[in-house]
Amino acid sequence: MTHFKLYSWNINGIRAQEKKGFINWMENLDCDIIGLQETKAHKEQLSDKLLNIQGYQSYFKSGERKGYSGVAIYSKIKPLRVIDHFDHEILNSDGRLIGLEFDKFFIFIGYFPNGGRGIEWVQHKINFYNAFYDMIESLSKPVIFGGDINTAHHEIDLARPNENRNTSGFMDIEREWLHFITEKGYIDTYRHFHPNEIKYTWWDQKTKSRERNVGWRIDYFFVQPTLKQNLISAEIHDQILGSDHCPISLEIEI
């Protein structure tokens, strides 16, 4: 078996993060694979230093609009293939999903839609969830997926659940998908190791909620049930600043 340490972080703009010391942070990070969300850039807009961080190969999927959405994976292990086009067309829109295939598993990093712009966007989000589930269920190897899922699952996962029951990110229709996949055996790796711990991964910058720790846990690593015995640890790194999200990590042997 091989030991892997995985990170995921919605960085809210990779070029902005470069100015805040992102490359130095990456070079000192004990990590094999890191997935990023909201890179907000096309590859041709990035510096050579960002594209070629020491020790990593980089893979990017950009949205149609510059400065919007976008995901990336940096990996120290060369994949068998990069997956950046999908049969479900909804998974191709806005540069929200990228995957790598390795010998024994797939990993997907996603910036799942936000339903905050109205009920039609909530439905778009649900359609994206369902298409993503159909896609990973069709694969022949175990799947790890992570990123900004944009929904808090249980009341413990946000500071003010009662005030947000009709807010996108904690609406019943959105949470139902998380209920569904966990009932199918997918493991929320942070909750697997920390069933009662209160930690968040996102804070509203407009209300300066991070200073008061009024947050939401909407960033996850999930694994398929066949990988349950392979899990080693999962953490939320809320001491790391620079974005409205903080990084999360997963250690696993496969």
Protein backbone atom coordinates (compact mmCIF):
# COMPACT_ATOMS: atom_id res chain seq x y z
CA MET A 1 0.00 0.00 0.00
CA THR A 2 1.03 3.61 -0.61
CA HIS A 3 0.46 6.41 1.86
CA PHE A 4 -1.18 9.53 0.41
CA LYS A 5 -1.75 12.91 2.02
CA LEU A 6 -4.36 14.97 0.22
CA TYR A 7 -5.38 18.59 0.64
CA SER A 8 -8.28 20.64 -0.71
CA TRP A 9 -8.71 24.41 -0.52
CA ASN A 10 -11.05 26.95 -2.04
CA ILE A 11 -8.44 29.67 -2.44
CA ASN A 12 -10.71 32.42 -3.79
CA GLY A 13 -8.31 33.42 -6.57
CA ILE A 14 -4.98 31.76 -7.29
CA ARG A 15 -3.33 34.95 -8.53
CA ALA A 16 -4.31 36.75 -5.35
CA GLN A 17 -2.94 33.82 -3.36
CA GLU A 18 0.36 34.00 -5.23
CA LYS A 19 0.82 37.51 -3.82
CA LYS A 20 0.12 36.18 -0.32
CA GLY A 21 2.88 33.54 -0.41
CA PHE A 22 0.96 30.58 -1.84
CA ILE A 23 3.95 29.12 -3.68
CA ASN A 24 6.13 29.15 -0.56
CA TRP A 25 3.27 27.54 1.38
CA MET A 26 2.96 24.82 -1.25
CA GLU A 27 6.68 24.12 -1.33
CA ASN A 28 6.66 23.59 2.43
CA LEU A 29 3.46 21.57 2.50
CA ASP A 30 3.65 17.88 3.39
CA CYS A 31 1.25 16.81 0.68
CA ASP A 32 1.06 14.46 -2.31
CA ILE A 33 -2.02 15.88 -4.02
CA ILE A 34 -3.81 19.19 -3.48
CA GLY A 35 -7.01 20.26 -5.16
CA LEU A 36 -7.96 23.90 -5.48
CA GLN A 37 -11.29 25.57 -6.14
CA GLU A 38 -12.16 29.06 -7.35
CA THR A 39 -8.82 29.57 -9.04
CA LYS A 40 -10.53 32.37 -11.00
CA ALA A 41 -8.03 32.29 -13.86
CA HIS A 42 -7.30 30.71 -17.20
CA LYS A 43 -4.02 28.87 -17.50
CA GLU A 44 -2.51 31.45 -19.84
CA GLN A 45 -3.03 34.10 -17.14
CA LEU A 46 -0.81 32.25 -14.65
CA SER A 47 2.88 32.75 -13.99
CA ASP A 48 5.44 30.06 -14.75
CA LYS A 49 6.06 29.81 -11.03
CA LEU A 50 2.42 28.91 -10.38
CA LEU A 51 2.35 26.40 -13.21
CA ASN A 52 5.60 24.74 -12.12
CA ILE A 53 5.68 24.60 -8.34
CA GLN A 54 8.65 22.51 -7.28
CA GLY A 55 7.81 18.82 -6.95
CA TYR A 56 4.34 19.03 -8.50
CA GLN A 57 2.67 18.56 -11.84
CA SER A 58 -0.26 20.95 -12.27
CA TYR A 59 -3.60 20.40 -14.00
CA PHE A 60 -6.20 23.14 -14.52
CA LYS A 61 -9.82 23.36 -15.61
CA SER A 62 -11.06 26.88 -16.25
CA GLY A 63 -14.51 28.33 -16.62
CA GLU A 64 -15.72 30.02 -19.75
CA ARG A 65 -15.62 33.43 -18.06
CA LYS A 66 -12.28 34.80 -16.98
CA GLY A 67 -12.04 35.58 -13.30
CA TYR A 68 -14.80 33.11 -12.37
CA SER A 69 -14.84 29.58 -10.93
CA GLY A 70 -12.06 27.19 -12.01
CA VAL A 71 -10.41 24.19 -10.35
CA ALA A 72 -6.93 22.71 -10.30
CA ILE A 73 -4.96 19.76 -8.98
CA TYR A 74 -1.27 19.73 -8.12
CA SER A 75 0.12 16.20 -7.81
CA LYS A 76 3.53 14.77 -6.96
CA ILE A 77 2.43 11.45 -8.48
CA LYS A 78 1.97 11.24 -12.21
CA PRO A 79 -1.58 10.13 -13.04
CA LEU A 80 -2.59 7.63 -15.67
CA ARG A 81 -4.84 10.30 -17.13
CA VAL A 82 -6.42 13.66 -16.44
CA ILE A 83 -10.22 13.79 -16.57
CA ASP A 84 -11.46 17.23 -17.53
CA HIS A 85 -14.34 16.38 -19.87
CA PHE A 86 -17.46 14.48 -18.88
CA ASP A 87 -20.39 12.81 -20.62
CA HIS A 88 -22.83 14.79 -18.47
CA GLU A 89 -22.71 18.26 -20.01
CA ILE A 90 -23.64 19.98 -16.77
CA LEU A 91 -20.33 18.75 -15.29
CA ASN A 92 -18.40 20.58 -18.03
CA SER A 93 -19.87 24.02 -17.36
CA ASP A 94 -18.02 26.79 -15.49
CA GLY A 95 -14.82 24.83 -14.91
CA ARG A 96 -16.13 23.16 -11.78
CA LEU A 97 -14.70 19.64 -11.90
CA ILE A 98 -11.40 17.91 -12.60
CA GLY A 99 -10.15 14.40 -11.86
CA LEU A 100 -7.06 12.23 -11.98
CA GLU A 101 -6.91 8.48 -12.47
CA PHE A 102 -4.22 6.51 -10.66
CA ASP A 103 -3.45 2.79 -10.55
CA LYS A 104 -5.79 2.06 -7.65
CA PHE A 105 -8.20 4.97 -7.41
CA PHE A 106 -9.73 8.10 -8.89
CA ILE A 107 -9.69 11.50 -7.24
CA PHE A 108 -12.07 14.31 -8.21
CA ILE A 109 -11.91 17.90 -7.04
CA GLY A 110 -15.02 20.00 -7.44
CA TYR A 111 -16.32 23.49 -6.92
CA PHE A 112 -19.98 22.55 -6.68
CA PRO A 113 -22.57 25.18 -7.63
CA ASN A 114 -23.95 27.72 -5.18
CA GLY A 115 -27.71 28.00 -5.17
CA GLY A 116 -27.81 31.46 -3.66
CA ARG A 117 -28.94 33.27 -6.79
CA GLY A 118 -32.46 31.86 -6.80
CA ILE A 119 -34.52 28.68 -6.95
CA GLU A 120 -33.41 27.91 -10.52
CA TRP A 121 -29.81 27.87 -9.27
CA VAL A 122 -30.76 25.55 -6.43
CA GLN A 123 -32.19 23.17 -9.03
CA HIS A 124 -29.03 23.54 -11.15
CA LYS A 125 -27.02 22.60 -8.07
CA ILE A 126 -29.15 19.49 -7.47
CA ASN A 127 -28.82 18.50 -11.12
CA PHE A 128 -25.03 18.88 -10.84
CA TYR A 129 -25.00 16.74 -7.69
CA ASN A 130 -27.00 13.99 -9.37
CA ALA A 131 -24.92 13.99 -12.56
CA PHE A 132 -21.74 13.83 -10.48
CA TYR A 133 -23.05 10.86 -8.50
CA ASP A 134 -24.01 9.01 -11.69
CA MET A 135 -20.53 9.63 -13.10
CA ILE A 136 -18.54 8.38 -10.11
CA GLU A 137 -20.81 5.35 -9.72
CA SER A 138 -19.95 4.31 -13.27
CA LEU A 139 -16.21 4.05 -12.60
CA SER A 140 -14.27 0.83 -12.15
CA LYS A 141 -11.97 1.90 -9.28
CA PRO A 142 -12.60 3.38 -5.83
CA VAL A 143 -13.28 7.12 -5.78
CA ILE A 144 -12.13 9.90 -3.49
CA PHE A 145 -13.76 13.25 -4.05
CA GLY A 146 -13.32 16.56 -2.33
CA GLY A 147 -13.71 20.25 -2.59
CA ASP A 148 -16.25 22.96 -1.93
CA ILE A 149 -19.52 21.04 -1.87
CA ASN A 150 -21.38 24.24 -0.92
CA THR A 151 -23.78 22.55 1.51
CA ALA A 152 -23.57 22.01 5.26
CA HIS A 153 -24.89 18.53 6.06
CA HIS A 154 -26.06 18.63 9.69
CA GLU A 155 -26.82 21.27 12.29
CA ILE A 156 -23.38 20.76 13.82
CA ASP A 157 -21.87 21.89 10.52
CA LEU A 158 -22.89 25.54 10.76
CA ALA A 159 -23.00 28.05 13.57
CA ARG A 160 -26.61 29.20 13.09
CA PRO A 161 -28.70 26.36 11.65
CA ASN A 162 -32.12 27.68 12.71
CA GLU A 163 -31.53 31.01 10.99
CA ASN A 164 -30.40 29.37 7.74
CA ARG A 165 -32.95 26.65 7.03
CA ASN A 166 -34.21 28.56 4.01
CA THR A 167 -30.76 29.74 2.94
CA SER A 168 -29.01 28.01 0.07
CA GLY A 169 -26.32 25.84 1.57
CA PHE A 170 -28.60 24.45 4.28
CA MET A 171 -31.90 23.94 2.51
CA ASP A 172 -33.48 20.50 2.91
CA ILE A 173 -33.42 19.86 -0.85
CA GLU A 174 -29.64 20.41 -0.90
CA ARG A 175 -28.95 18.42 2.26
CA GLU A 176 -30.95 15.49 0.90
CA TRP A 177 -28.15 14.71 -1.54
CA LEU A 178 -25.65 14.46 1.31
CA HIS A 179 -28.11 12.24 3.19
CA PHE A 180 -28.43 10.12 0.06
CA ILE A 181 -24.74 9.56 -0.59
CA THR A 182 -23.95 8.80 3.05
CA GLU A 183 -26.82 6.32 3.11
CA LYS A 184 -25.18 4.72 0.06
CA GLY A 185 -22.04 4.31 2.18
CA TYR A 186 -19.93 7.28 1.11
CA ILE A 187 -17.89 8.44 4.09
CA ASP A 188 -17.57 12.05 5.19
CA THR A 189 -13.98 11.58 6.30
CA TYR A 190 -13.84 14.48 8.74
CA ARG A 191 -16.96 13.32 10.57
CA HIS A 192 -15.61 9.74 10.52
CA PHE A 193 -12.73 10.83 12.75
CA HIS A 194 -14.38 13.78 14.52
CA PRO A 195 -18.06 12.90 15.02
CA ASN A 196 -18.79 15.65 17.54
CA GLU A 197 -16.18 18.32 16.87
CA ILE A 198 -17.35 21.75 15.81
CA LYS A 199 -15.11 23.22 13.14
CA TYR A 200 -15.91 25.25 10.07
CA THR A 201 -14.32 25.69 6.65
CA TRP A 202 -16.02 28.87 5.35
CA TRP A 203 -16.85 32.24 6.86
CA ASP A 204 -18.71 35.17 5.31
CA GLN A 205 -16.17 37.92 4.68
CA LYS A 206 -18.82 40.62 4.37
CA THR A 207 -19.88 40.19 8.00
CA LYS A 208 -16.35 39.49 9.30
CA SER A 209 -17.70 36.23 10.67
CA ARG A 210 -14.31 34.52 10.86
CA GLU A 211 -13.26 36.73 13.76
CA ARG A 212 -16.36 35.49 15.63
CA ASN A 213 -16.11 31.94 14.21
CA VAL A 214 -19.63 32.09 12.82
CA GLY A 215 -18.95 29.66 10.03
CA TRP A 216 -20.08 26.74 7.89
CA ARG A 217 -18.47 23.37 7.15
CA ILE A 218 -19.07 23.09 3.41
CA ASP A 219 -15.70 21.64 2.27
CA TYR A 220 -15.31 17.87 2.37
CA PHE A 221 -13.36 14.80 1.43
CA PHE A 222 -15.62 11.81 0.76
CA VAL A 223 -14.52 8.26 -0.01
CA GLN A 224 -16.46 5.28 -1.27
CA PRO A 225 -17.22 2.62 1.37
CA THR A 226 -14.59 0.19 0.07
CA LEU A 227 -11.92 2.64 1.28
CA LYS A 228 -13.16 2.90 4.87
CA GLN A 229 -10.44 0.64 6.26
CA ASN A 230 -7.79 2.63 4.38
CA LEU A 231 -8.47 5.91 6.16
CA ILE A 232 -5.79 7.28 8.51
CA SER A 233 -6.86 10.83 9.41
CA ALA A 234 -8.84 13.86 8.28
CA GLU A 235 -8.40 17.44 9.48
CA ILE A 236 -9.64 21.00 9.04
CA HIS A 237 -6.83 23.56 9.03
CA ASP A 238 -8.73 26.62 10.21
CA GLN A 239 -5.56 28.38 11.38
CA ILE A 240 -4.53 28.92 7.74
CA LEU A 241 -5.70 32.30 6.47
CA GLY A 242 -5.77 33.97 3.07
CA SER A 243 -9.20 32.96 1.77
CA ASP A 244 -12.78 32.92 3.03
CA HIS A 245 -12.29 29.13 3.17
CA CYS A 246 -9.59 27.16 4.97
CA PRO A 247 -7.85 24.00 3.75
CA ILE A 248 -8.88 20.47 4.68
CA SER A 249 -6.76 17.32 4.50
CA LEU A 250 -7.07 13.56 4.30
CA GLU A 251 -4.51 10.82 4.88
CA ILE A 252 -5.17 7.42 3.36
CA GLU A 253 -3.32 4.24 2.38
CA ILE A 254 -4.25 2.58 -0.89
